[in-house]
Amino acid sequence: QRCFTRRLDGMQNHDYWERLKLLNLLSLQRRRQRYMLIHTWKTIQGVVPNSANLVFHHNARLGMRIVPPVYPYRSETWRANQYHSSFGPSAARLWNLLPVTVNSCLTLTQFKSSLGKHLNLFHDRPP
């Protein structure tokens, strides 16, 4: 994505983050996060199977929440870190950050629209 956007006319003098903003694109990390959230919504709605064995519960104030899965074994730190960066724990952390106006959407189109508006509130740039 970096190399491709650099080759576009008029983009040579901009850094990667400016090019993304000018082209109205999301970074690869933000796209992965968006995909995780969309897949989690589909899991909650029963569109796809719950292969990550996520545990859902409804909170009256916060909407649908996910109990973050914990690493079941005491092991090396690197293995626990790999587990925590895998789909299940990452999706749970991201989902629990969503406001109720986003996580309570009933249709996929409505969810994607609300999610896009919510993600645009945050800069897609590294700290």
Protein backbone atom coordinates (compact mmCIF):
# COMPACT_ATOMS: atom_id res chain seq x y z
CA GLN A 1 0.00 0.00 0.00
CA ARG A 2 2.89 2.35 0.78
CA CYS A 3 4.63 1.72 -2.53
CA PHE A 4 1.44 1.87 -4.57
CA THR A 5 0.23 5.18 -3.14
CA ARG A 6 3.69 6.71 -3.63
CA ARG A 7 3.52 5.98 -7.36
CA LEU A 8 0.27 7.89 -7.90
CA ASP A 9 0.50 11.28 -9.60
CA GLY A 10 0.99 14.14 -7.16
CA MET A 11 1.66 11.89 -4.15
CA GLN A 12 5.46 11.69 -4.33
CA ASN A 13 5.99 14.67 -2.00
CA HIS A 14 3.63 13.45 0.75
CA ASP A 15 4.42 10.99 3.50
CA TYR A 16 2.41 7.77 3.85
CA TRP A 17 -0.11 9.13 6.36
CA GLU A 18 -0.79 12.26 4.32
CA ARG A 19 -1.31 10.12 1.20
CA LEU A 20 -3.84 7.95 3.02
CA LYS A 21 -5.74 11.02 4.16
CA LEU A 22 -5.70 12.63 0.70
CA LEU A 23 -6.87 9.38 -0.94
CA ASN A 24 -9.47 8.72 1.78
CA LEU A 25 -7.94 5.31 2.59
CA LEU A 26 -7.45 3.48 5.88
CA SER A 27 -4.10 2.10 6.99
CA LEU A 28 -3.65 -1.67 6.91
CA GLN A 29 -3.87 -1.85 10.70
CA ARG A 30 -7.11 0.15 10.77
CA ARG A 31 -8.54 -2.05 8.00
CA ARG A 32 -7.72 -5.18 10.02
CA GLN A 33 -9.41 -3.67 13.08
CA ARG A 34 -12.48 -2.78 11.00
CA TYR A 35 -12.62 -6.31 9.62
CA MET A 36 -12.40 -7.77 13.16
CA LEU A 37 -15.28 -5.61 14.31
CA ILE A 38 -17.44 -6.48 11.30
CA HIS A 39 -16.74 -10.19 11.78
CA THR A 40 -17.56 -9.89 15.49
CA TRP A 41 -20.88 -8.19 14.65
CA LYS A 42 -21.66 -11.04 12.24
CA THR A 43 -20.83 -13.55 14.99
CA ILE A 44 -23.18 -11.83 17.45
CA GLN A 45 -25.95 -11.79 14.84
CA GLY A 46 -25.41 -15.48 14.03
CA VAL A 47 -24.39 -14.86 10.43
CA VAL A 48 -21.06 -16.68 10.93
CA PRO A 49 -20.16 -19.37 13.49
CA ASN A 50 -18.53 -18.38 16.77
CA SER A 51 -15.25 -20.15 15.98
CA ALA A 52 -13.30 -17.98 18.44
CA ASN A 53 -15.63 -19.11 21.28
CA LEU A 54 -16.36 -15.55 22.34
CA VAL A 55 -18.70 -15.14 25.32
CA PHE A 56 -21.27 -12.35 24.91
CA HIS A 57 -23.37 -10.60 27.52
CA HIS A 58 -25.78 -7.70 27.30
CA ASN A 59 -25.25 -4.65 29.49
CA ALA A 60 -28.27 -2.33 29.78
CA ARG A 61 -26.13 0.81 29.59
CA LEU A 62 -23.27 -0.28 27.32
CA GLY A 63 -25.03 -2.69 24.95
CA MET A 64 -23.51 -6.00 23.88
CA ARG A 65 -20.17 -6.76 25.51
CA ILE A 66 -17.66 -9.58 25.15
CA VAL A 67 -15.89 -11.26 28.03
CA PRO A 68 -12.24 -11.06 26.94
CA PRO A 69 -10.77 -14.56 26.70
CA VAL A 70 -7.78 -15.16 28.94
CA TYR A 71 -4.77 -17.27 28.10
CA PRO A 72 -5.48 -20.59 29.82
CA TYR A 73 -1.93 -21.65 30.58
CA ARG A 74 1.02 -20.34 32.48
CA SER A 75 3.69 -20.32 29.83
CA GLU A 76 6.39 -18.30 28.20
CA THR A 77 5.66 -14.63 27.77
CA TRP A 78 6.01 -14.74 23.99
CA ARG A 79 3.32 -17.42 23.71
CA ALA A 80 0.92 -15.45 25.89
CA ASN A 81 1.64 -12.31 23.82
CA GLN A 82 0.87 -14.21 20.62
CA TYR A 83 -2.41 -15.39 22.11
CA HIS A 84 -3.43 -11.89 23.21
CA SER A 85 -2.76 -10.51 19.73
CA SER A 86 -4.82 -13.26 18.05
CA PHE A 87 -8.35 -12.70 16.75
CA GLY A 88 -10.43 -13.57 19.84
CA PRO A 89 -8.78 -11.35 22.46
CA SER A 90 -8.14 -8.51 20.00
CA ALA A 91 -11.71 -8.53 18.72
CA ALA A 92 -13.07 -8.55 22.29
CA ARG A 93 -10.94 -5.56 23.29
CA LEU A 94 -11.92 -3.60 20.19
CA TRP A 95 -15.62 -4.47 20.48
CA ASN A 96 -15.78 -3.40 24.12
CA LEU A 97 -14.47 0.04 23.12
CA LEU A 98 -17.41 0.70 20.81
CA PRO A 99 -20.20 2.97 22.04
CA VAL A 100 -23.71 1.56 22.30
CA THR A 101 -24.82 3.59 19.27
CA VAL A 102 -22.44 1.51 17.13
CA ASN A 103 -22.64 -1.94 18.73
CA SER A 104 -26.45 -2.00 18.84
CA CYS A 105 -26.99 -1.64 15.07
CA LEU A 106 -29.37 -4.22 13.67
CA THR A 107 -28.30 -4.39 10.02
CA LEU A 108 -24.86 -4.87 8.53
CA THR A 109 -25.17 -1.76 6.37
CA GLN A 110 -26.14 0.34 9.37
CA PHE A 111 -23.30 -1.16 11.43
CA LYS A 112 -20.69 -0.49 8.74
CA SER A 113 -21.90 3.09 8.36
CA SER A 114 -21.86 3.74 12.12
CA LEU A 115 -18.48 2.04 12.47
CA GLY A 116 -17.00 4.14 9.67
CA LYS A 117 -18.22 7.35 11.29
CA HIS A 118 -16.87 6.22 14.67
CA LEU A 119 -13.46 5.25 13.27
CA ASN A 120 -13.16 8.60 11.48
CA LEU A 121 -13.25 10.33 14.87
CA PHE A 122 -9.76 8.94 15.57
CA HIS A 123 -6.63 9.82 13.67
CA ASP A 124 -5.34 6.94 11.60
CA ARG A 125 -1.75 7.77 12.40
CA PRO A 126 0.77 6.13 14.73
CA PRO A 127 1.32 7.76 18.13
